[in-house]
Amino acid sequence: PGTAGHEGNKASAAALERAAAAVDELRRRDGGPALATDCRLEPLQRALAGHLPELVGCVEPLRRKSPKLRALLSLRIEADPQGKVSEARAEDELGSESVAACVAQAAMAWTFPPGGGERCHLSATVLLE
C-alpha cells in the first residue's frame, strides 16, 4: 500500500504501533470504522470528523476516473501536548502514493484538543464511500 509521512523517534513509533494494534482489535471486534488513542477519545473523534472533507478531497482525483470508488485509509498521527500534529503517516488500500501523501500532508496542518501536557497518539481507519 501507499505510505507517506514524517519519521519520528523510536518511542513515538512504538506508541503509534500500539495504537494501530488497538485499532486492529477494535475492527475485529466491532467490524466498523475504528479509532484508538492514548488520550481522551471523544474530543479527538470530533476533531477528526471535522477533517473528513479534506480526506475526501485527497481521493477525489481517483473518483473522477472511477465514481464508485471506495477507499479505506489508515492514518497514524502524533500530536504534541498543545495539540499540533508533529507526525503523520497514511496508508490506503488502493496503493496510491498520491492519496497517502495527500492525507499525510493534510494531517500535518491539523490541530487537536491539547493532550493535558502529554503527547497524543491517534490511529484511525476511515472508509470513504
N, C-alpha and C. Protein backbone atom coordinates (compact mmCIF):
# COMPACT_ATOMS: atom_id res chain seq x y z
N PRO A 1 0.82 -1.19 0.00
CA PRO A 1 0.00 0.00 0.00
C PRO A 1 0.85 1.25 0.00
N GLY A 2 0.27 2.37 -0.41
CA GLY A 2 1.00 3.62 -0.43
C GLY A 2 1.20 4.11 0.98
N THR A 3 2.38 4.68 1.25
CA THR A 3 2.66 5.25 2.56
C THR A 3 3.33 6.59 2.37
N ALA A 4 3.16 7.45 3.35
CA ALA A 4 3.82 8.75 3.32
C ALA A 4 3.88 9.25 4.74
N GLY A 5 4.80 10.14 5.03
CA GLY A 5 4.79 10.73 6.36
C GLY A 5 6.13 11.26 6.78
N HIS A 6 6.21 11.62 8.04
CA HIS A 6 7.40 12.17 8.64
C HIS A 6 7.85 11.18 9.70
N GLU A 7 9.13 10.83 9.69
CA GLU A 7 9.63 9.84 10.63
C GLU A 7 9.86 10.45 12.00
N GLY A 8 9.54 9.72 13.03
CA GLY A 8 9.74 10.17 14.40
C GLY A 8 10.77 9.31 15.08
N ASN A 9 10.91 9.47 16.38
CA ASN A 9 11.86 8.65 17.11
C ASN A 9 11.27 7.28 17.41
N LYS A 10 12.08 6.39 17.93
CA LYS A 10 11.63 5.02 18.18
C LYS A 10 10.51 4.95 19.20
N ALA A 11 10.53 5.82 20.21
CA ALA A 11 9.49 5.79 21.24
C ALA A 11 8.13 6.16 20.64
N SER A 12 8.10 7.19 19.80
CA SER A 12 6.82 7.57 19.20
C SER A 12 6.36 6.52 18.20
N ALA A 13 7.28 5.91 17.49
CA ALA A 13 6.92 4.85 16.55
C ALA A 13 6.30 3.67 17.31
N ALA A 14 6.85 3.34 18.46
CA ALA A 14 6.29 2.25 19.25
C ALA A 14 4.90 2.59 19.75
N ALA A 15 4.68 3.84 20.15
CA ALA A 15 3.35 4.26 20.61
C ALA A 15 2.35 4.19 19.46
N LEU A 16 2.77 4.60 18.27
CA LEU A 16 1.89 4.52 17.11
C LEU A 16 1.55 3.06 16.78
N GLU A 17 2.51 2.19 16.91
CA GLU A 17 2.27 0.77 16.65
C GLU A 17 1.26 0.20 17.65
N ARG A 18 1.39 0.61 18.92
CA ARG A 18 0.42 0.15 19.93
C ARG A 18 -0.98 0.66 19.60
N ALA A 19 -1.08 1.91 19.17
CA ALA A 19 -2.39 2.46 18.79
C ALA A 19 -2.95 1.72 17.59
N ALA A 20 -2.09 1.39 16.62
CA ALA A 20 -2.54 0.65 15.44
C ALA A 20 -3.03 -0.74 15.82
N ALA A 21 -2.35 -1.39 16.75
CA ALA A 21 -2.78 -2.71 17.21
C ALA A 21 -4.15 -2.61 17.88
N ALA A 22 -4.37 -1.53 18.63
CA ALA A 22 -5.67 -1.34 19.27
C ALA A 22 -6.76 -1.14 18.21
N VAL A 23 -6.45 -0.42 17.14
CA VAL A 23 -7.41 -0.24 16.05
C VAL A 23 -7.75 -1.58 15.42
N ASP A 24 -6.73 -2.39 15.16
CA ASP A 24 -6.98 -3.70 14.57
C ASP A 24 -7.90 -4.53 15.46
N GLU A 25 -7.68 -4.47 16.77
CA GLU A 25 -8.53 -5.22 17.71
C GLU A 25 -9.96 -4.69 17.67
N LEU A 26 -10.14 -3.37 17.66
CA LEU A 26 -11.48 -2.79 17.56
C LEU A 26 -12.17 -3.21 16.28
N ARG A 27 -11.44 -3.20 15.17
CA ARG A 27 -12.02 -3.57 13.88
C ARG A 27 -12.47 -5.04 13.91
N ARG A 28 -11.66 -5.91 14.51
CA ARG A 28 -12.04 -7.33 14.59
C ARG A 28 -13.29 -7.51 15.46
N ARG A 29 -13.35 -6.76 16.54
CA ARG A 29 -14.44 -6.92 17.49
C ARG A 29 -15.73 -6.27 16.98
N ASP A 30 -15.64 -5.06 16.43
CA ASP A 30 -16.84 -4.31 16.07
C ASP A 30 -17.18 -4.35 14.59
N GLY A 31 -16.21 -4.64 13.74
CA GLY A 31 -16.47 -4.73 12.31
C GLY A 31 -16.69 -3.41 11.61
N GLY A 32 -16.42 -2.28 12.26
CA GLY A 32 -16.66 -0.99 11.63
C GLY A 32 -15.44 -0.11 11.66
N PRO A 33 -15.62 1.18 11.29
CA PRO A 33 -14.50 2.12 11.37
C PRO A 33 -13.97 2.16 12.80
N ALA A 34 -12.70 2.40 12.94
CA ALA A 34 -12.10 2.32 14.27
C ALA A 34 -11.17 3.49 14.52
N LEU A 35 -11.07 3.84 15.79
CA LEU A 35 -10.20 4.92 16.23
C LEU A 35 -9.62 4.50 17.57
N ALA A 36 -8.33 4.65 17.73
CA ALA A 36 -7.68 4.34 19.00
C ALA A 36 -6.72 5.47 19.35
N THR A 37 -6.60 5.75 20.63
CA THR A 37 -5.71 6.81 21.08
C THR A 37 -5.29 6.54 22.51
N ASP A 38 -4.20 7.19 22.91
CA ASP A 38 -3.78 7.12 24.30
C ASP A 38 -4.20 8.40 25.05
N CYS A 39 -5.05 9.21 24.42
CA CYS A 39 -5.60 10.42 25.05
C CYS A 39 -7.12 10.29 25.09
N ARG A 40 -7.80 11.35 25.54
CA ARG A 40 -9.26 11.32 25.61
C ARG A 40 -9.84 11.13 24.21
N LEU A 41 -10.66 10.12 24.04
CA LEU A 41 -11.15 9.71 22.73
C LEU A 41 -12.17 10.68 22.13
N GLU A 42 -13.17 11.09 22.89
CA GLU A 42 -14.28 11.86 22.33
C GLU A 42 -13.85 13.16 21.65
N PRO A 43 -13.00 14.00 22.28
CA PRO A 43 -12.60 15.23 21.59
C PRO A 43 -11.83 14.95 20.30
N LEU A 44 -11.04 13.88 20.29
CA LEU A 44 -10.30 13.53 19.08
C LEU A 44 -11.23 13.04 17.98
N GLN A 45 -12.28 12.30 18.35
CA GLN A 45 -13.25 11.85 17.36
C GLN A 45 -13.91 13.05 16.69
N ARG A 46 -14.33 14.02 17.49
CA ARG A 46 -14.98 15.22 16.93
C ARG A 46 -14.01 15.97 16.02
N ALA A 47 -12.78 16.13 16.47
CA ALA A 47 -11.79 16.85 15.67
C ALA A 47 -11.52 16.13 14.35
N LEU A 48 -11.36 14.81 14.40
CA LEU A 48 -11.10 14.06 13.19
C LEU A 48 -12.29 14.14 12.24
N ALA A 49 -13.50 14.07 12.77
CA ALA A 49 -14.69 14.17 11.92
C ALA A 49 -14.72 15.50 11.17
N GLY A 50 -14.22 16.55 11.79
CA GLY A 50 -14.17 17.85 11.13
C GLY A 50 -13.21 17.90 9.96
N HIS A 51 -12.28 16.95 9.91
CA HIS A 51 -11.29 16.92 8.83
C HIS A 51 -11.65 15.93 7.72
N LEU A 52 -12.76 15.23 7.85
CA LEU A 52 -13.13 14.24 6.83
C LEU A 52 -13.24 14.84 5.42
N PRO A 53 -13.77 16.07 5.26
CA PRO A 53 -13.82 16.62 3.90
C PRO A 53 -12.44 16.72 3.24
N GLU A 54 -11.40 16.99 4.03
CA GLU A 54 -10.05 17.03 3.47
C GLU A 54 -9.62 15.66 2.97
N LEU A 55 -9.98 14.62 3.72
CA LEU A 55 -9.63 13.26 3.30
C LEU A 55 -10.37 12.88 2.02
N VAL A 56 -11.64 13.26 1.94
CA VAL A 56 -12.42 13.02 0.73
C VAL A 56 -11.75 13.73 -0.45
N GLY A 57 -11.28 14.95 -0.22
CA GLY A 57 -10.61 15.70 -1.27
C GLY A 57 -9.37 15.00 -1.80
N CYS A 58 -8.69 14.25 -0.94
CA CYS A 58 -7.50 13.52 -1.38
C CYS A 58 -7.85 12.37 -2.33
N VAL A 59 -9.06 11.85 -2.19
CA VAL A 59 -9.49 10.71 -3.01
C VAL A 59 -10.18 11.16 -4.30
N GLU A 60 -10.66 12.41 -4.33
CA GLU A 60 -11.45 12.90 -5.47
C GLU A 60 -10.79 12.71 -6.83
N PRO A 61 -9.49 12.95 -7.00
CA PRO A 61 -8.90 12.74 -8.33
C PRO A 61 -9.10 11.30 -8.84
N LEU A 62 -9.03 10.32 -7.96
CA LEU A 62 -9.25 8.93 -8.36
C LEU A 62 -10.73 8.67 -8.63
N ARG A 63 -11.59 9.35 -7.92
CA ARG A 63 -13.04 9.17 -8.10
C ARG A 63 -13.52 9.71 -9.45
N ARG A 64 -12.80 10.68 -9.99
CA ARG A 64 -13.19 11.18 -11.31
C ARG A 64 -13.08 10.07 -12.35
N LYS A 65 -12.10 9.20 -12.16
CA LYS A 65 -11.90 8.08 -13.09
C LYS A 65 -12.81 6.92 -12.76
N SER A 66 -13.13 6.74 -11.48
CA SER A 66 -13.94 5.61 -11.03
C SER A 66 -14.92 6.12 -9.96
N PRO A 67 -16.10 6.61 -10.39
CA PRO A 67 -17.04 7.27 -9.46
C PRO A 67 -17.51 6.42 -8.28
N LYS A 68 -17.52 5.12 -8.40
CA LYS A 68 -18.00 4.27 -7.29
C LYS A 68 -16.86 3.81 -6.38
N LEU A 69 -15.72 4.43 -6.52
CA LEU A 69 -14.54 4.06 -5.76
C LEU A 69 -14.77 4.21 -4.26
N ARG A 70 -14.36 3.21 -3.50
CA ARG A 70 -14.34 3.24 -2.04
C ARG A 70 -12.89 3.19 -1.62
N ALA A 71 -12.53 3.97 -0.62
CA ALA A 71 -11.14 3.99 -0.16
C ALA A 71 -11.09 3.77 1.34
N LEU A 72 -10.29 2.81 1.75
CA LEU A 72 -10.05 2.55 3.16
C LEU A 72 -8.70 3.16 3.51
N LEU A 73 -8.71 4.16 4.37
CA LEU A 73 -7.50 4.87 4.76
C LEU A 73 -7.12 4.51 6.18
N SER A 74 -5.85 4.29 6.39
CA SER A 74 -5.31 4.12 7.74
C SER A 74 -4.42 5.31 8.01
N LEU A 75 -4.65 5.96 9.13
CA LEU A 75 -3.94 7.18 9.46
C LEU A 75 -3.38 7.06 10.87
N ARG A 76 -2.11 7.38 11.02
CA ARG A 76 -1.46 7.39 12.34
C ARG A 76 -0.90 8.78 12.56
N ILE A 77 -1.27 9.35 13.70
CA ILE A 77 -0.91 10.73 13.99
C ILE A 77 -0.32 10.81 15.39
N GLU A 78 0.68 11.66 15.54
CA GLU A 78 1.18 12.04 16.86
C GLU A 78 1.00 13.54 16.97
N ALA A 79 0.39 13.99 18.08
CA ALA A 79 0.21 15.42 18.33
C ALA A 79 0.98 15.79 19.59
N ASP A 80 1.58 16.98 19.55
CA ASP A 80 2.33 17.44 20.72
C ASP A 80 1.35 17.84 21.83
N PRO A 81 1.85 18.17 23.02
CA PRO A 81 0.96 18.49 24.14
C PRO A 81 -0.02 19.65 23.87
N GLN A 82 0.32 20.53 22.93
CA GLN A 82 -0.58 21.63 22.58
C GLN A 82 -1.61 21.23 21.52
N GLY A 83 -1.51 20.01 20.99
CA GLY A 83 -2.47 19.52 20.01
C GLY A 83 -2.02 19.64 18.57
N LYS A 84 -0.85 20.21 18.31
CA LYS A 84 -0.33 20.35 16.96
C LYS A 84 0.23 19.01 16.48
N VAL A 85 -0.15 18.60 15.29
CA VAL A 85 0.34 17.33 14.75
C VAL A 85 1.83 17.45 14.46
N SER A 86 2.60 16.52 15.01
CA SER A 86 4.05 16.51 14.82
C SER A 86 4.50 15.36 13.93
N GLU A 87 3.64 14.39 13.72
CA GLU A 87 3.96 13.26 12.84
C GLU A 87 2.65 12.74 12.26
N ALA A 88 2.69 12.40 10.98
CA ALA A 88 1.51 11.82 10.33
C ALA A 88 1.97 10.81 9.29
N ARG A 89 1.36 9.64 9.34
CA ARG A 89 1.63 8.60 8.35
C ARG A 89 0.28 8.09 7.85
N ALA A 90 0.22 7.80 6.57
CA ALA A 90 -1.04 7.33 5.98
C ALA A 90 -0.78 6.18 5.04
N GLU A 91 -1.75 5.30 4.96
CA GLU A 91 -1.75 4.20 4.00
C GLU A 91 -3.16 4.09 3.44
N ASP A 92 -3.26 3.65 2.22
CA ASP A 92 -4.59 3.40 1.67
C ASP A 92 -4.57 2.06 0.97
N GLU A 93 -5.71 1.39 0.96
CA GLU A 93 -5.80 0.05 0.39
C GLU A 93 -5.63 0.06 -1.12
N LEU A 94 -5.72 1.23 -1.75
CA LEU A 94 -5.58 1.33 -3.19
C LEU A 94 -4.12 1.28 -3.63
N GLY A 95 -3.22 1.51 -2.68
CA GLY A 95 -1.80 1.52 -3.01
C GLY A 95 -1.38 2.80 -3.71
N SER A 96 -2.15 3.85 -3.52
CA SER A 96 -1.88 5.11 -4.19
C SER A 96 -0.95 5.99 -3.37
N GLU A 97 0.25 6.21 -3.88
CA GLU A 97 1.19 7.09 -3.19
C GLU A 97 0.63 8.51 -3.10
N SER A 98 -0.10 8.95 -4.15
CA SER A 98 -0.61 10.32 -4.14
C SER A 98 -1.68 10.51 -3.07
N VAL A 99 -2.55 9.52 -2.87
CA VAL A 99 -3.58 9.63 -1.83
C VAL A 99 -2.91 9.62 -0.46
N ALA A 100 -1.99 8.70 -0.22
CA ALA A 100 -1.31 8.61 1.07
C ALA A 100 -0.55 9.91 1.37
N ALA A 101 0.14 10.45 0.38
CA ALA A 101 0.90 11.68 0.58
C ALA A 101 -0.04 12.86 0.87
N CYS A 102 -1.15 12.93 0.15
CA CYS A 102 -2.13 14.00 0.36
C CYS A 102 -2.70 13.93 1.77
N VAL A 103 -3.07 12.75 2.23
CA VAL A 103 -3.64 12.58 3.57
C VAL A 103 -2.62 12.95 4.64
N ALA A 104 -1.39 12.47 4.51
CA ALA A 104 -0.35 12.78 5.50
C ALA A 104 -0.06 14.28 5.52
N GLN A 105 0.01 14.91 4.34
CA GLN A 105 0.28 16.34 4.27
C GLN A 105 -0.86 17.13 4.90
N ALA A 106 -2.09 16.75 4.62
CA ALA A 106 -3.24 17.43 5.22
C ALA A 106 -3.20 17.30 6.74
N ALA A 107 -2.93 16.11 7.24
CA ALA A 107 -2.92 15.86 8.68
C ALA A 107 -1.85 16.68 9.40
N MET A 108 -0.74 16.96 8.75
CA MET A 108 0.32 17.74 9.38
C MET A 108 -0.13 19.17 9.70
N ALA A 109 -1.18 19.65 9.06
CA ALA A 109 -1.68 21.00 9.31
C ALA A 109 -2.77 21.03 10.38
N TRP A 110 -3.20 19.87 10.86
CA TRP A 110 -4.30 19.80 11.80
C TRP A 110 -3.84 20.13 13.22
N THR A 111 -4.81 20.54 14.02
CA THR A 111 -4.61 20.73 15.45
C THR A 111 -5.74 20.02 16.17
N PHE A 112 -5.39 19.28 17.20
CA PHE A 112 -6.35 18.55 18.02
C PHE A 112 -6.44 19.22 19.38
N PRO A 113 -7.44 18.85 20.18
CA PRO A 113 -7.51 19.39 21.54
C PRO A 113 -6.22 19.06 22.30
N PRO A 114 -5.72 19.99 23.12
CA PRO A 114 -4.49 19.73 23.87
C PRO A 114 -4.58 18.43 24.67
N GLY A 115 -3.45 17.75 24.78
CA GLY A 115 -3.41 16.43 25.42
C GLY A 115 -3.15 16.46 26.90
N GLY A 116 -3.45 17.55 27.59
CA GLY A 116 -3.25 17.59 29.04
C GLY A 116 -1.80 17.46 29.44
N GLY A 117 -0.90 18.07 28.65
CA GLY A 117 0.52 18.01 28.96
C GLY A 117 1.22 16.80 28.39
N GLU A 118 0.50 15.94 27.69
CA GLU A 118 1.07 14.72 27.13
C GLU A 118 0.98 14.75 25.61
N ARG A 119 1.86 14.01 24.97
CA ARG A 119 1.73 13.77 23.53
C ARG A 119 0.58 12.80 23.33
N CYS A 120 -0.18 12.97 22.26
CA CYS A 120 -1.27 12.04 21.93
C CYS A 120 -0.92 11.28 20.68
N HIS A 121 -1.23 10.02 20.68
CA HIS A 121 -1.06 9.16 19.52
C HIS A 121 -2.44 8.70 19.09
N LEU A 122 -2.72 8.86 17.83
CA LEU A 122 -4.04 8.54 17.28
C LEU A 122 -3.85 7.62 16.09
N SER A 123 -4.61 6.58 16.04
CA SER A 123 -4.62 5.68 14.90
C SER A 123 -6.07 5.52 14.47
N ALA A 124 -6.33 5.81 13.20
CA ALA A 124 -7.71 5.78 12.72
C ALA A 124 -7.79 5.03 11.40
N THR A 125 -8.89 4.34 11.22
CA THR A 125 -9.21 3.71 9.95
C THR A 125 -10.52 4.32 9.48
N VAL A 126 -10.50 4.89 8.27
CA VAL A 126 -11.65 5.62 7.76
C VAL A 126 -12.02 5.06 6.39
N LEU A 127 -13.30 4.72 6.22
CA LEU A 127 -13.80 4.27 4.93
C LEU A 127 -14.48 5.44 4.26
N LEU A 128 -14.00 5.81 3.09
CA LEU A 128 -14.61 6.90 2.32
C LEU A 128 -15.38 6.28 1.16
N GLU A 129 -16.70 6.48 1.19
CA GLU A 129 -17.54 5.89 0.15
C GLU A 129 -18.13 6.98 -0.72
